[in-house]
Amino acid sequence: MFKTNLARQDEPVIDGLADRILAPIPTAARALGIGRTRMYQIIDAGNVESVKLGKRHLVVVESLHAYADRLRAKA
């Protein structure tokens, strides 16, 4: 699920999100290996930042990376 970004080797990159700033909820959920419902719960709990762009609800990819890092630190 994690791979190294060649541009910044010190930071892990979630597959498929390396070149994005914002990602749709289903894409963010898939990157974490969870379902949409759980992704919404994580967003509602304030663990991952999201924004509305028109009618679209998008996840801030940087906050998704930070959330994954926090999970790894707890493990």
C-alpha atoms as a PDB file:
ATOM      1  CA  MET A   1       0.000   0.000   0.000  1.00  0.00           C
ATOM      2  CA  PHE A   2       2.886   2.365   0.704  1.00  0.00           C
ATOM      3  CA  LYS A   3       5.639   3.098  -1.749  1.00  0.00           C
ATOM      4  CA  THR A   4       8.448   5.593  -1.828  1.00  0.00           C
ATOM      5  CA  ASN A   5       7.956   8.820  -3.755  1.00  0.00           C
ATOM      6  CA  LEU A   6      11.036   9.333  -5.894  1.00  0.00           C
ATOM      7  CA  ALA A   7      10.778  13.113  -5.577  1.00  0.00           C
ATOM      8  CA  ARG A   8      10.739  13.072  -1.766  1.00  0.00           C
ATOM      9  CA  GLN A   9      12.215   9.828  -0.493  1.00  0.00           C
ATOM     10  CA  ASP A  10      11.694  10.697   3.166  1.00  0.00           C
ATOM     11  CA  GLU A  11       7.876  10.554   2.925  1.00  0.00           C
ATOM     12  CA  PRO A  12       5.747   7.472   2.189  1.00  0.00           C
ATOM     13  CA  VAL A  13       3.123   7.881  -0.505  1.00  0.00           C
ATOM     14  CA  ILE A  14      -0.211   6.097  -0.609  1.00  0.00           C
ATOM     15  CA  ASP A  15      -0.618   4.407  -3.997  1.00  0.00           C
ATOM     16  CA  GLY A  16      -2.589   6.414  -6.529  1.00  0.00           C
ATOM     17  CA  LEU A  17      -2.489   9.661  -4.547  1.00  0.00           C
ATOM     18  CA  ALA A  18       1.083  10.819  -5.194  1.00  0.00           C
ATOM     19  CA  ASP A  19       0.125  13.574  -7.619  1.00  0.00           C
ATOM     20  CA  ARG A  20      -3.138  14.682  -5.993  1.00  0.00           C
ATOM     21  CA  ILE A  21      -3.920  17.434  -3.527  1.00  0.00           C
ATOM     22  CA  LEU A  22      -7.546  16.394  -3.074  1.00  0.00           C
ATOM     23  CA  ALA A  23      -9.102  12.974  -3.576  1.00  0.00           C
ATOM     24  CA  PRO A  24     -12.691  11.718  -3.718  1.00  0.00           C
ATOM     25  CA  ILE A  25     -13.940   9.838  -0.656  1.00  0.00           C
ATOM     26  CA  PRO A  26     -14.013   6.420  -2.396  1.00  0.00           C
ATOM     27  CA  THR A  27     -10.409   6.848  -3.593  1.00  0.00           C
ATOM     28  CA  ALA A  28      -9.219   7.864  -0.128  1.00  0.00           C
ATOM     29  CA  ALA A  29     -11.082   4.942   1.438  1.00  0.00           C
ATOM     30  CA  ARG A  30      -9.617   2.509  -1.089  1.00  0.00           C
ATOM     31  CA  ALA A  31      -6.105   3.838  -0.388  1.00  0.00           C
ATOM     32  CA  LEU A  32      -6.573   3.023   3.304  1.00  0.00           C
ATOM     33  CA  GLY A  33      -8.236  -0.301   2.574  1.00  0.00           C
ATOM     34  CA  ILE A  34     -11.515   0.662   4.241  1.00  0.00           C
ATOM     35  CA  GLY A  35     -15.070   1.332   3.100  1.00  0.00           C
ATOM     36  CA  ARG A  36     -16.743   4.665   2.431  1.00  0.00           C
ATOM     37  CA  THR A  37     -18.792   4.527   5.633  1.00  0.00           C
ATOM     38  CA  ARG A  38     -15.675   4.124   7.782  1.00  0.00           C
ATOM     39  CA  MET A  39     -13.971   6.918   5.797  1.00  0.00           C
ATOM     40  CA  TYR A  40     -16.852   9.255   6.597  1.00  0.00           C
ATOM     41  CA  GLN A  41     -16.573   8.277  10.283  1.00  0.00           C
ATOM     42  CA  ILE A  42     -12.866   9.130  10.262  1.00  0.00           C
ATOM     43  CA  ILE A  43     -13.624  12.490   8.625  1.00  0.00           C
ATOM     44  CA  ASP A  44     -16.466  13.234  11.058  1.00  0.00           C
ATOM     45  CA  ALA A  45     -14.155  12.442  13.994  1.00  0.00           C
ATOM     46  CA  GLY A  46     -11.741  15.088  12.694  1.00  0.00           C
ATOM     47  CA  ASN A  47      -8.931  12.625  11.947  1.00  0.00           C
ATOM     48  CA  VAL A  48      -8.793  13.484   8.244  1.00  0.00           C
ATOM     49  CA  GLU A  49      -9.520  16.885   6.723  1.00  0.00           C
ATOM     50  CA  SER A  50     -12.028  17.211   3.912  1.00  0.00           C
ATOM     51  CA  VAL A  51     -13.417  20.046   1.818  1.00  0.00           C
ATOM     52  CA  LYS A  52     -16.489  20.668  -0.311  1.00  0.00           C
ATOM     53  CA  LEU A  53     -15.839  21.706  -3.886  1.00  0.00           C
ATOM     54  CA  GLY A  54     -19.206  22.399  -5.432  1.00  0.00           C
ATOM     55  CA  LYS A  55     -21.205  19.259  -4.719  1.00  0.00           C
ATOM     56  CA  ARG A  56     -18.100  17.103  -4.338  1.00  0.00           C
ATOM     57  CA  HIS A  57     -16.769  16.070  -0.935  1.00  0.00           C
ATOM     58  CA  LEU A  58     -12.996  15.618  -1.194  1.00  0.00           C
ATOM     59  CA  VAL A  59     -10.293  14.502   1.210  1.00  0.00           C
ATOM     60  CA  VAL A  60      -7.129  16.569   1.654  1.00  0.00           C
ATOM     61  CA  VAL A  61      -4.470  14.020   0.674  1.00  0.00           C
ATOM     62  CA  GLU A  62      -1.851  15.530   2.985  1.00  0.00           C
ATOM     63  CA  SER A  63      -4.135  14.901   5.971  1.00  0.00           C
ATOM     64  CA  LEU A  64      -4.706  11.333   4.741  1.00  0.00           C
ATOM     65  CA  HIS A  65      -0.943  10.776   4.786  1.00  0.00           C
ATOM     66  CA  ALA A  66      -0.729  12.295   8.265  1.00  0.00           C
ATOM     67  CA  TYR A  67      -3.509   9.988   9.490  1.00  0.00           C
ATOM     68  CA  ALA A  68      -1.709   6.940   8.080  1.00  0.00           C
ATOM     69  CA  ASP A  69       1.507   8.075   9.772  1.00  0.00           C
ATOM     70  CA  ARG A  70      -0.315   8.411  13.105  1.00  0.00           C
ATOM     71  CA  LEU A  71      -1.724   4.901  12.712  1.00  0.00           C
ATOM     72  CA  ARG A  72       1.740   3.513  12.007  1.00  0.00           C
ATOM     73  CA  ALA A  73       3.177   5.313  15.035  1.00  0.00           C
ATOM     74  CA  LYS A  74       0.526   3.683  17.256  1.00  0.00           C
ATOM     75  CA  ALA A  75       1.293   0.175  15.916  1.00  0.00           C
END
